[in-house]
Amino acid sequence: MVDPEPVLSRPGLRVILPTNRWHVNTTGLAAPYRHYLSPDGTAFVSASEDFVTGFTRWNMKDSALLRSFGLASAIPGEPFYVTDEADVSTWVGTVQSDGSLAGMRRFVDQGGEGVTTDTQGNVYIAAGQIYVYSPAGKLIDTVEIPERPIQVVFGGSDGHTLFIAARTSLYAVRTRFRGRKE
C-alpha cells in the first residue's frame, strides 16, 4: 500500500495522470490534494480531494483517478491532453511540477475514452474509432477498428506501434510516427 504524501513540487519525477474522467473547466483541473510516490521514488500520482476523502456519486467512490480508463506520463512544462466522452471534448493544459494542469483550453470538440500523443504532437482519441488530430486541432486521420476502443498507447521495440485496447480485444497498428517517450 502506498501512503499519501503532501503535495509538493517534485522536479525531476515523472507525473502520472488520468487521461479521462476529469471534470474540466477553463480554469484548469483541481490542484492535487495528495501525491502517491512510487516505492522507487521515480514517479508520483496526483490525487484530488475526492479520491482522498472518499467522495461518492451514485453510491460509488468517484474520482478521476479511480474511474479513468487510463493513466499516462505527464511531463512538467509540456502539454497534456484529457478527454471527456460525456462532454464530447478533449482539452489540453500544461503540466505543472506539482501534478496539476494549468492553462486548460478546449482542444477539439471530440471526446473519448482514451487519448495519447506521438512525437510530432499528433493527438489520438479513442472515441468509437481512433481519431487523429494535428497539434493545431485539425482532423488528419481516422483509424477504424472492428469494435469500440477504450484506451490507446504507443509501444513496441521502436515505438511506432499504436496499441488499442477495445471491449474484448487488443489491436496493434503500425504508425508513421513514434509515440511520445513515456
N, C-alpha and C. Protein backbone atom coordinates (compact mmCIF):
# COMPACT_ATOMS: atom_id res chain seq x y z
N MET A 1 0.85 -1.17 0.00
CA MET A 1 0.00 0.00 0.00
C MET A 1 0.90 1.24 0.00
N VAL A 2 0.59 2.17 -0.87
CA VAL A 2 1.35 3.42 -0.95
C VAL A 2 0.60 4.47 -0.14
N ASP A 3 1.32 5.09 0.77
CA ASP A 3 0.70 6.12 1.62
C ASP A 3 0.68 7.46 0.92
N PRO A 4 -0.37 8.25 1.16
CA PRO A 4 -0.42 9.59 0.55
C PRO A 4 0.60 10.51 1.21
N GLU A 5 1.11 11.43 0.42
CA GLU A 5 2.05 12.42 0.91
C GLU A 5 1.52 13.81 0.57
N PRO A 6 1.98 14.83 1.29
CA PRO A 6 1.55 16.19 0.98
C PRO A 6 1.96 16.57 -0.45
N VAL A 7 1.19 17.45 -1.06
CA VAL A 7 1.52 17.94 -2.39
C VAL A 7 2.72 18.87 -2.28
N LEU A 8 3.75 18.55 -3.03
CA LEU A 8 4.95 19.37 -3.13
C LEU A 8 5.34 19.44 -4.59
N SER A 9 6.05 20.47 -4.97
CA SER A 9 6.66 20.49 -6.29
C SER A 9 7.72 19.41 -6.28
N ARG A 10 7.71 18.53 -7.30
CA ARG A 10 8.64 17.41 -7.32
C ARG A 10 9.40 17.38 -8.66
N PRO A 11 10.26 18.39 -8.88
CA PRO A 11 11.01 18.45 -10.14
C PRO A 11 11.83 17.18 -10.35
N GLY A 12 11.87 16.74 -11.62
CA GLY A 12 12.66 15.57 -11.97
C GLY A 12 11.93 14.24 -11.86
N LEU A 13 10.76 14.23 -11.23
CA LEU A 13 10.00 12.98 -11.13
C LEU A 13 8.93 12.94 -12.21
N ARG A 14 8.61 11.74 -12.64
CA ARG A 14 7.54 11.54 -13.61
C ARG A 14 6.20 11.73 -12.92
N VAL A 15 5.31 12.46 -13.57
CA VAL A 15 3.95 12.66 -13.08
C VAL A 15 3.05 11.70 -13.83
N ILE A 16 2.18 10.98 -13.14
CA ILE A 16 1.22 10.08 -13.77
C ILE A 16 -0.18 10.66 -13.54
N LEU A 17 -0.94 10.85 -14.63
CA LEU A 17 -2.27 11.45 -14.53
C LEU A 17 -3.30 10.62 -15.30
N PRO A 18 -4.56 10.68 -14.89
CA PRO A 18 -5.63 10.04 -15.66
C PRO A 18 -5.82 10.75 -16.99
N THR A 19 -6.21 10.01 -18.03
CA THR A 19 -6.41 10.62 -19.35
C THR A 19 -7.86 10.97 -19.63
N ASN A 20 -8.76 10.55 -18.80
CA ASN A 20 -10.16 10.95 -18.99
C ASN A 20 -10.85 10.98 -17.62
N ARG A 21 -12.12 11.27 -17.62
CA ARG A 21 -12.94 11.33 -16.39
C ARG A 21 -12.65 12.57 -15.55
N TRP A 22 -11.97 13.57 -16.07
CA TRP A 22 -11.79 14.83 -15.36
C TRP A 22 -13.05 15.66 -15.51
N HIS A 23 -13.33 16.44 -14.53
CA HIS A 23 -14.38 17.44 -14.65
C HIS A 23 -13.66 18.72 -15.03
N VAL A 24 -13.60 18.98 -16.32
CA VAL A 24 -12.74 20.02 -16.86
C VAL A 24 -13.49 21.34 -16.93
N ASN A 25 -12.77 22.40 -16.65
CA ASN A 25 -13.30 23.74 -16.87
C ASN A 25 -12.16 24.62 -17.35
N THR A 26 -12.47 25.83 -17.73
CA THR A 26 -11.46 26.69 -18.33
C THR A 26 -10.42 27.19 -17.35
N THR A 27 -10.62 27.04 -16.06
CA THR A 27 -9.61 27.48 -15.10
C THR A 27 -8.62 26.38 -14.77
N GLY A 28 -8.79 25.23 -15.36
CA GLY A 28 -7.83 24.14 -15.13
C GLY A 28 -8.43 23.05 -14.29
N LEU A 29 -7.63 22.06 -14.02
CA LEU A 29 -8.06 20.96 -13.19
C LEU A 29 -7.75 21.28 -11.75
N ALA A 30 -8.53 20.74 -10.87
CA ALA A 30 -8.33 20.99 -9.45
C ALA A 30 -6.89 20.66 -9.06
N ALA A 31 -6.32 21.51 -8.23
CA ALA A 31 -4.96 21.26 -7.75
C ALA A 31 -4.93 19.95 -6.99
N PRO A 32 -3.84 19.22 -7.06
CA PRO A 32 -3.75 17.96 -6.34
C PRO A 32 -3.91 18.17 -4.83
N TYR A 33 -4.46 17.18 -4.18
CA TYR A 33 -4.67 17.21 -2.74
C TYR A 33 -3.57 16.41 -2.04
N ARG A 34 -3.19 15.30 -2.64
CA ARG A 34 -2.12 14.45 -2.12
C ARG A 34 -1.37 13.85 -3.30
N HIS A 35 -0.16 13.40 -3.04
CA HIS A 35 0.63 12.65 -4.01
C HIS A 35 0.83 11.24 -3.49
N TYR A 36 0.96 10.32 -4.40
CA TYR A 36 1.32 8.94 -4.08
C TYR A 36 2.64 8.68 -4.79
N LEU A 37 3.73 8.64 -4.03
CA LEU A 37 5.08 8.50 -4.56
C LEU A 37 5.39 7.02 -4.76
N SER A 38 5.96 6.69 -5.92
CA SER A 38 6.30 5.29 -6.19
C SER A 38 7.37 4.81 -5.21
N PRO A 39 7.36 3.52 -4.89
CA PRO A 39 8.35 2.99 -3.94
C PRO A 39 9.80 3.27 -4.34
N ASP A 40 10.08 3.31 -5.65
CA ASP A 40 11.47 3.58 -6.07
C ASP A 40 11.76 5.07 -6.19
N GLY A 41 10.76 5.92 -5.91
CA GLY A 41 10.97 7.36 -5.90
C GLY A 41 11.13 8.01 -7.26
N THR A 42 10.69 7.34 -8.34
CA THR A 42 10.86 7.90 -9.67
C THR A 42 9.62 8.58 -10.24
N ALA A 43 8.47 8.34 -9.63
CA ALA A 43 7.23 8.87 -10.18
C ALA A 43 6.23 9.11 -9.06
N PHE A 44 5.23 9.96 -9.37
CA PHE A 44 4.14 10.14 -8.42
C PHE A 44 2.82 10.28 -9.15
N VAL A 45 1.77 9.90 -8.47
CA VAL A 45 0.40 10.05 -8.97
C VAL A 45 -0.25 11.14 -8.14
N SER A 46 -0.83 12.12 -8.83
CA SER A 46 -1.55 13.19 -8.13
C SER A 46 -2.98 12.73 -7.89
N ALA A 47 -3.49 13.02 -6.71
CA ALA A 47 -4.85 12.63 -6.37
C ALA A 47 -5.64 13.85 -5.89
N SER A 48 -6.87 13.93 -6.34
CA SER A 48 -7.75 15.02 -5.94
C SER A 48 -8.28 14.78 -4.53
N GLU A 49 -8.89 15.79 -4.00
CA GLU A 49 -9.51 15.66 -2.68
C GLU A 49 -10.59 14.58 -2.70
N ASP A 50 -11.33 14.47 -3.82
CA ASP A 50 -12.36 13.44 -3.95
C ASP A 50 -11.79 12.04 -3.75
N PHE A 51 -10.63 11.78 -4.32
CA PHE A 51 -10.00 10.47 -4.18
C PHE A 51 -9.62 10.20 -2.72
N VAL A 52 -9.02 11.20 -2.09
CA VAL A 52 -8.51 11.04 -0.73
C VAL A 52 -9.63 10.95 0.30
N THR A 53 -10.67 11.77 0.14
CA THR A 53 -11.73 11.82 1.15
C THR A 53 -12.82 10.79 0.94
N GLY A 54 -12.86 10.15 -0.22
CA GLY A 54 -13.87 9.12 -0.44
C GLY A 54 -15.19 9.65 -0.96
N PHE A 55 -15.19 10.76 -1.69
CA PHE A 55 -16.39 11.31 -2.29
C PHE A 55 -17.13 10.22 -3.08
N THR A 56 -18.43 10.15 -2.91
CA THR A 56 -19.21 9.15 -3.64
C THR A 56 -20.24 9.82 -4.54
N ARG A 57 -20.54 9.14 -5.62
CA ARG A 57 -21.59 9.55 -6.54
C ARG A 57 -22.29 8.28 -6.95
N TRP A 58 -23.60 8.27 -6.83
CA TRP A 58 -24.40 7.07 -7.11
C TRP A 58 -23.91 5.89 -6.28
N ASN A 59 -23.59 6.13 -5.02
CA ASN A 59 -23.13 5.12 -4.07
C ASN A 59 -21.82 4.44 -4.45
N MET A 60 -21.01 5.10 -5.27
CA MET A 60 -19.70 4.57 -5.63
C MET A 60 -18.65 5.65 -5.39
N LYS A 61 -17.46 5.24 -4.95
CA LYS A 61 -16.37 6.19 -4.80
C LYS A 61 -16.04 6.74 -6.18
N ASP A 62 -15.98 8.04 -6.30
CA ASP A 62 -15.83 8.66 -7.60
C ASP A 62 -14.67 9.64 -7.61
N SER A 63 -13.75 9.45 -8.51
CA SER A 63 -12.66 10.41 -8.73
C SER A 63 -12.07 10.10 -10.10
N ALA A 64 -11.40 11.09 -10.67
CA ALA A 64 -10.76 10.87 -11.97
C ALA A 64 -9.76 9.73 -11.91
N LEU A 65 -9.05 9.63 -10.81
CA LEU A 65 -8.02 8.61 -10.67
C LEU A 65 -8.61 7.20 -10.68
N LEU A 66 -9.73 7.01 -10.02
CA LEU A 66 -10.35 5.68 -9.95
C LEU A 66 -11.15 5.32 -11.18
N ARG A 67 -11.83 6.28 -11.76
CA ARG A 67 -12.78 5.99 -12.82
C ARG A 67 -12.21 6.13 -14.23
N SER A 68 -10.96 6.53 -14.35
CA SER A 68 -10.36 6.72 -15.66
C SER A 68 -10.11 5.38 -16.34
N PHE A 69 -10.16 5.40 -17.66
CA PHE A 69 -9.82 4.20 -18.43
C PHE A 69 -8.32 4.06 -18.60
N GLY A 70 -7.56 5.12 -18.31
CA GLY A 70 -6.11 5.02 -18.49
C GLY A 70 -5.34 6.09 -17.75
N LEU A 71 -4.09 5.78 -17.52
CA LEU A 71 -3.15 6.72 -16.92
C LEU A 71 -2.02 6.95 -17.91
N ALA A 72 -1.40 8.12 -17.85
CA ALA A 72 -0.29 8.41 -18.75
C ALA A 72 0.75 9.27 -18.06
N SER A 73 1.98 9.16 -18.52
CA SER A 73 3.04 10.03 -18.02
C SER A 73 2.79 11.45 -18.50
N ALA A 74 3.00 12.38 -17.61
CA ALA A 74 2.82 13.79 -17.92
C ALA A 74 4.14 14.49 -17.59
N ILE A 75 4.68 15.22 -18.54
CA ILE A 75 5.98 15.85 -18.35
C ILE A 75 5.80 17.32 -18.00
N PRO A 76 6.28 17.73 -16.80
CA PRO A 76 6.13 19.14 -16.41
C PRO A 76 6.66 20.09 -17.49
N GLY A 77 5.87 21.12 -17.76
CA GLY A 77 6.22 22.10 -18.78
C GLY A 77 5.71 21.76 -20.16
N GLU A 78 5.18 20.55 -20.35
CA GLU A 78 4.70 20.13 -21.67
C GLU A 78 3.19 19.97 -21.66
N PRO A 79 2.59 19.95 -22.86
CA PRO A 79 1.13 19.77 -22.93
C PRO A 79 0.71 18.38 -22.48
N PHE A 80 -0.49 18.30 -21.92
CA PHE A 80 -1.10 17.02 -21.55
C PHE A 80 -2.56 17.11 -21.95
N TYR A 81 -3.06 16.05 -22.58
CA TYR A 81 -4.43 16.03 -23.09
C TYR A 81 -5.31 15.17 -22.21
N VAL A 82 -6.50 15.66 -21.94
CA VAL A 82 -7.51 14.88 -21.23
C VAL A 82 -8.76 14.89 -22.09
N THR A 83 -9.48 13.78 -22.09
CA THR A 83 -10.65 13.67 -22.93
C THR A 83 -11.86 13.34 -22.08
N ASP A 84 -13.01 13.85 -22.49
CA ASP A 84 -14.26 13.67 -21.75
C ASP A 84 -15.34 13.24 -22.73
N GLU A 85 -15.67 11.96 -22.66
CA GLU A 85 -16.67 11.42 -23.59
C GLU A 85 -18.03 12.06 -23.38
N ALA A 86 -18.42 12.28 -22.13
CA ALA A 86 -19.74 12.85 -21.84
C ALA A 86 -19.85 14.29 -22.33
N ASP A 87 -18.79 15.06 -22.19
CA ASP A 87 -18.77 16.46 -22.62
C ASP A 87 -18.43 16.59 -24.10
N VAL A 88 -18.09 15.48 -24.75
CA VAL A 88 -17.69 15.43 -26.15
C VAL A 88 -16.62 16.48 -26.43
N SER A 89 -15.56 16.43 -25.63
CA SER A 89 -14.46 17.38 -25.83
C SER A 89 -13.15 16.79 -25.32
N THR A 90 -12.08 17.30 -25.90
CA THR A 90 -10.74 16.99 -25.44
C THR A 90 -10.07 18.31 -25.14
N TRP A 91 -9.38 18.35 -24.01
CA TRP A 91 -8.76 19.57 -23.51
C TRP A 91 -7.26 19.39 -23.44
N VAL A 92 -6.53 20.49 -23.44
CA VAL A 92 -5.08 20.46 -23.28
C VAL A 92 -4.68 21.52 -22.26
N GLY A 93 -3.71 21.16 -21.44
CA GLY A 93 -3.15 22.09 -20.47
C GLY A 93 -1.67 21.81 -20.32
N THR A 94 -1.00 22.64 -19.56
CA THR A 94 0.43 22.47 -19.32
C THR A 94 0.63 21.84 -17.95
N VAL A 95 1.44 20.79 -17.91
CA VAL A 95 1.70 20.07 -16.67
C VAL A 95 2.60 20.92 -15.76
N GLN A 96 2.18 21.06 -14.51
CA GLN A 96 2.96 21.76 -13.50
C GLN A 96 3.76 20.74 -12.68
N SER A 97 4.80 21.18 -11.99
CA SER A 97 5.65 20.24 -11.25
C SER A 97 4.94 19.59 -10.06
N ASP A 98 3.77 20.17 -9.64
CA ASP A 98 3.02 19.55 -8.55
C ASP A 98 1.99 18.54 -9.05
N GLY A 99 1.92 18.35 -10.38
CA GLY A 99 0.98 17.39 -10.96
C GLY A 99 -0.32 17.99 -11.41
N SER A 100 -0.51 19.29 -11.25
CA SER A 100 -1.73 19.94 -11.72
C SER A 100 -1.55 20.34 -13.19
N LEU A 101 -2.65 20.71 -13.81
CA LEU A 101 -2.63 21.20 -15.18
C LEU A 101 -3.09 22.65 -15.18
N ALA A 102 -2.34 23.50 -15.85
CA ALA A 102 -2.66 24.93 -15.91
C ALA A 102 -2.96 25.33 -17.36
N GLY A 103 -3.65 26.43 -17.52
CA GLY A 103 -3.93 26.96 -18.85
C GLY A 103 -4.81 26.06 -19.68
N MET A 104 -5.75 25.39 -19.04
CA MET A 104 -6.62 24.47 -19.77
C MET A 104 -7.41 25.20 -20.84
N ARG A 105 -7.45 24.58 -22.01
CA ARG A 105 -8.27 25.10 -23.11
C ARG A 105 -8.82 23.93 -23.90
N ARG A 106 -9.99 24.17 -24.48
CA ARG A 106 -10.60 23.14 -25.31
C ARG A 106 -9.74 22.94 -26.54
N PHE A 107 -9.35 21.70 -26.80
CA PHE A 107 -8.52 21.37 -27.95
C PHE A 107 -9.40 21.07 -29.16
N VAL A 108 -10.32 20.12 -29.01
CA VAL A 108 -11.27 19.79 -30.08
C VAL A 108 -12.61 19.39 -29.48
N ASP A 109 -13.64 19.52 -30.30
CA ASP A 109 -14.98 19.08 -29.90
C ASP A 109 -15.15 17.61 -30.27
N GLN A 110 -14.30 16.78 -29.71
CA GLN A 110 -14.33 15.33 -29.88
C GLN A 110 -13.85 14.75 -28.56
N GLY A 111 -14.72 14.07 -27.88
CA GLY A 111 -14.33 13.46 -26.61
C GLY A 111 -14.32 11.96 -26.74
N GLY A 112 -13.56 11.31 -25.90
CA GLY A 112 -13.48 9.86 -25.99
C GLY A 112 -13.16 9.24 -24.65
N GLU A 113 -12.74 7.99 -24.71
CA GLU A 113 -12.42 7.24 -23.51
C GLU A 113 -10.92 7.20 -23.23
N GLY A 114 -10.10 7.45 -24.23
CA GLY A 114 -8.66 7.44 -24.05
C GLY A 114 -8.00 8.38 -25.03
N VAL A 115 -6.78 8.82 -24.69
CA VAL A 115 -6.06 9.75 -25.55
C VAL A 115 -4.56 9.55 -25.36
N THR A 116 -3.80 9.70 -26.44
CA THR A 116 -2.34 9.66 -26.39
C THR A 116 -1.79 10.55 -27.49
N THR A 117 -0.47 10.77 -27.48
CA THR A 117 0.16 11.63 -28.48
C THR A 117 1.40 10.94 -29.05
N ASP A 118 1.82 11.42 -30.22
CA ASP A 118 3.07 10.92 -30.79
C ASP A 118 4.12 12.03 -30.72
N THR A 119 5.32 11.74 -31.18
CA THR A 119 6.43 12.69 -31.07
C THR A 119 6.24 13.93 -31.94
N GLN A 120 5.34 13.88 -32.90
CA GLN A 120 5.06 15.04 -33.74
C GLN A 120 3.98 15.94 -33.13
N GLY A 121 3.44 15.50 -31.98
CA GLY A 121 2.39 16.28 -31.33
C GLY A 121 0.99 15.94 -31.79
N ASN A 122 0.86 14.93 -32.65
CA ASN A 122 -0.47 14.49 -33.08
C ASN A 122 -1.17 13.82 -31.91
N VAL A 123 -2.48 13.99 -31.85
CA VAL A 123 -3.29 13.53 -30.73
C VAL A 123 -4.24 12.44 -31.22
N TYR A 124 -4.23 11.28 -30.56
CA TYR A 124 -5.04 10.11 -30.93
C TYR A 124 -6.13 9.95 -29.87
N ILE A 125 -7.38 10.07 -30.29
CA ILE A 125 -8.51 9.99 -29.35
C ILE A 125 -9.33 8.75 -29.65
N ALA A 126 -9.51 7.89 -28.64
CA ALA A 126 -10.34 6.69 -28.77
C ALA A 126 -11.78 7.09 -28.51
N ALA A 127 -12.57 7.13 -29.58
CA ALA A 127 -13.97 7.58 -29.48
C ALA A 127 -14.81 6.88 -30.55
N GLY A 128 -15.08 5.62 -30.36
CA GLY A 128 -15.80 4.85 -31.38
C GLY A 128 -14.83 4.29 -32.39
N GLN A 129 -13.94 5.11 -32.88
CA GLN A 129 -12.77 4.75 -33.69
C GLN A 129 -11.61 5.55 -33.11
N ILE A 130 -10.49 5.55 -33.77
CA ILE A 130 -9.37 6.37 -33.32
C ILE A 130 -9.29 7.57 -34.25
N TYR A 131 -9.49 8.76 -33.69
CA TYR A 131 -9.42 9.99 -34.46
C TYR A 131 -8.08 10.64 -34.18
N VAL A 132 -7.37 10.99 -35.25
CA VAL A 132 -6.03 11.57 -35.13
C VAL A 132 -6.10 13.04 -35.52
N TYR A 133 -5.66 13.90 -34.60
CA TYR A 133 -5.67 15.34 -34.82
C TYR A 133 -4.25 15.87 -34.84
N SER A 134 -4.01 16.87 -35.67
CA SER A 134 -2.73 17.57 -35.68
C SER A 134 -2.61 18.39 -34.41
N PRO A 135 -1.41 18.88 -34.08
CA PRO A 135 -1.26 19.73 -32.89
C PRO A 135 -2.14 20.99 -32.94
N ALA A 136 -2.55 21.38 -34.15
CA ALA A 136 -3.41 22.56 -34.31
C ALA A 136 -4.89 22.22 -34.15
N GLY A 137 -5.21 20.93 -33.96
CA GLY A 137 -6.60 20.53 -33.77
C GLY A 137 -7.35 20.20 -35.05
N LYS A 138 -6.63 19.94 -36.14
CA LYS A 138 -7.25 19.57 -37.41
C LYS A 138 -7.28 18.05 -37.51
N LEU A 139 -8.43 17.48 -37.86
CA LEU A 139 -8.55 16.03 -38.05
C LEU A 139 -7.71 15.64 -39.26
N ILE A 140 -6.73 14.73 -39.06
CA ILE A 140 -5.85 14.33 -40.15
C ILE A 140 -5.97 12.86 -40.52
N ASP A 141 -6.61 12.06 -39.67
CA ASP A 141 -6.74 10.63 -39.99
C ASP A 141 -7.77 10.00 -39.07
N THR A 142 -8.30 8.88 -39.51
CA THR A 142 -9.19 8.05 -38.70
C THR A 142 -8.72 6.61 -38.83
N VAL A 143 -8.49 5.96 -37.70
CA VAL A 143 -8.09 4.56 -37.69
C VAL A 143 -9.32 3.76 -37.30
N GLU A 144 -9.83 2.98 -38.23
CA GLU A 144 -11.03 2.20 -37.96
C GLU A 144 -10.65 0.81 -37.45
N ILE A 145 -11.32 0.40 -36.39
CA ILE A 145 -11.14 -0.94 -35.85
C ILE A 145 -12.52 -1.57 -35.70
N PRO A 146 -12.59 -2.90 -35.59
CA PRO A 146 -13.88 -3.59 -35.58
C PRO A 146 -14.76 -3.39 -34.35
N GLU A 147 -14.20 -2.89 -33.24
CA GLU A 147 -15.03 -2.68 -32.06
C GLU A 147 -14.61 -1.40 -31.34
N ARG A 148 -15.43 -0.97 -30.42
CA ARG A 148 -15.20 0.31 -29.74
C ARG A 148 -13.92 0.29 -28.90
N PRO A 149 -13.00 1.25 -29.16
CA PRO A 149 -11.77 1.31 -28.38
C PRO A 149 -12.01 1.97 -27.01
N ILE A 150 -11.21 1.56 -26.05
CA ILE A 150 -11.29 2.13 -24.71
C ILE A 150 -10.05 2.97 -24.41
N GLN A 151 -8.87 2.48 -24.82
CA GLN A 151 -7.62 3.16 -24.48
C GLN A 151 -6.63 2.97 -25.61
N VAL A 152 -5.72 3.93 -25.73
CA VAL A 152 -4.66 3.88 -26.73
C VAL A 152 -3.33 4.21 -26.08
N VAL A 153 -2.28 3.51 -26.54
CA VAL A 153 -0.94 3.76 -26.01
C VAL A 153 0.08 3.30 -27.05
N PHE A 154 1.17 4.03 -27.17
CA PHE A 154 2.24 3.63 -28.08
C PHE A 154 3.19 2.68 -27.38
N GLY A 155 3.79 1.78 -28.16
CA GLY A 155 4.77 0.85 -27.61
C GLY A 155 5.48 0.12 -28.73
N GLY A 156 6.00 -1.04 -28.40
CA GLY A 156 6.77 -1.82 -29.35
C GLY A 156 8.23 -1.44 -29.28
N SER A 157 9.08 -2.24 -29.88
CA SER A 157 10.53 -2.03 -29.77
C SER A 157 10.97 -0.70 -30.38
N ASP A 158 10.27 -0.21 -31.39
CA ASP A 158 10.67 1.06 -31.99
C ASP A 158 9.70 2.21 -31.69
N GLY A 159 8.65 1.94 -30.91
CA GLY A 159 7.70 2.99 -30.53
C GLY A 159 6.71 3.39 -31.60
N HIS A 160 6.68 2.69 -32.73
CA HIS A 160 5.79 3.03 -33.83
C HIS A 160 4.49 2.22 -33.83
N THR A 161 4.24 1.47 -32.79
CA THR A 161 3.02 0.66 -32.73
C THR A 161 2.01 1.30 -31.79
N LEU A 162 0.84 1.57 -32.31
CA LEU A 162 -0.26 2.09 -31.50
C LEU A 162 -1.08 0.88 -31.04
N PHE A 163 -1.07 0.63 -29.73
CA PHE A 163 -1.88 -0.44 -29.17
C PHE A 163 -3.23 0.14 -28.79
N ILE A 164 -4.28 -0.59 -29.16
CA ILE A 164 -5.65 -0.14 -28.94
C ILE A 164 -6.38 -1.19 -28.13
N ALA A 165 -6.69 -0.88 -26.90
CA ALA A 165 -7.49 -1.78 -26.07
C ALA A 165 -8.95 -1.51 -26.38
N ALA A 166 -9.68 -2.56 -26.77
CA ALA A 166 -11.10 -2.44 -27.08
C ALA A 166 -11.89 -3.26 -26.06
N ARG A 167 -13.18 -3.34 -26.24
CA ARG A 167 -14.04 -4.02 -25.27
C ARG A 167 -13.64 -5.48 -25.04
N THR A 168 -13.29 -6.19 -26.12
CA THR A 168 -12.96 -7.61 -25.95
C THR A 168 -11.64 -8.02 -26.57
N SER A 169 -10.92 -7.07 -27.20
CA SER A 169 -9.70 -7.43 -27.93
C SER A 169 -8.64 -6.35 -27.79
N LEU A 170 -7.43 -6.70 -28.18
CA LEU A 170 -6.33 -5.76 -28.24
C LEU A 170 -5.86 -5.70 -29.69
N TYR A 171 -5.77 -4.49 -30.23
CA TYR A 171 -5.35 -4.29 -31.61
C TYR A 171 -4.01 -3.56 -31.62
N ALA A 172 -3.25 -3.76 -32.70
CA ALA A 172 -1.98 -3.06 -32.87
C ALA A 172 -1.92 -2.53 -34.30
N VAL A 173 -1.57 -1.26 -34.42
CA VAL A 173 -1.50 -0.60 -35.72
C VAL A 173 -0.13 0.08 -35.82
N ARG A 174 0.60 -0.20 -36.91
CA ARG A 174 1.87 0.49 -37.15
C ARG A 174 1.57 1.92 -37.59
N THR A 175 2.35 2.87 -37.05
CA THR A 175 2.14 4.27 -37.39
C THR A 175 3.42 4.85 -37.99
N ARG A 176 3.26 5.94 -38.66
CA ARG A 176 4.39 6.63 -39.28
C ARG A 176 5.29 7.27 -38.24
N PHE A 177 4.66 7.77 -37.18
CA PHE A 177 5.41 8.48 -36.14
C PHE A 177 5.55 7.63 -34.89
N ARG A 178 6.57 7.91 -34.11
CA ARG A 178 6.78 7.25 -32.83
C ARG A 178 5.86 7.85 -31.78
N GLY A 179 5.51 7.02 -30.81
CA GLY A 179 4.79 7.54 -29.67
C GLY A 179 5.72 8.40 -28.83
N ARG A 180 5.14 9.33 -28.10
CA ARG A 180 5.92 10.18 -27.22
C ARG A 180 6.58 9.33 -26.15
N LYS A 181 7.82 9.58 -25.87
CA LYS A 181 8.55 8.77 -24.87
C LYS A 181 7.93 8.97 -23.51
N GLU A 182 7.55 7.89 -22.88
CA GLU A 182 6.92 7.95 -21.56
C GLU A 182 7.96 8.00 -20.47
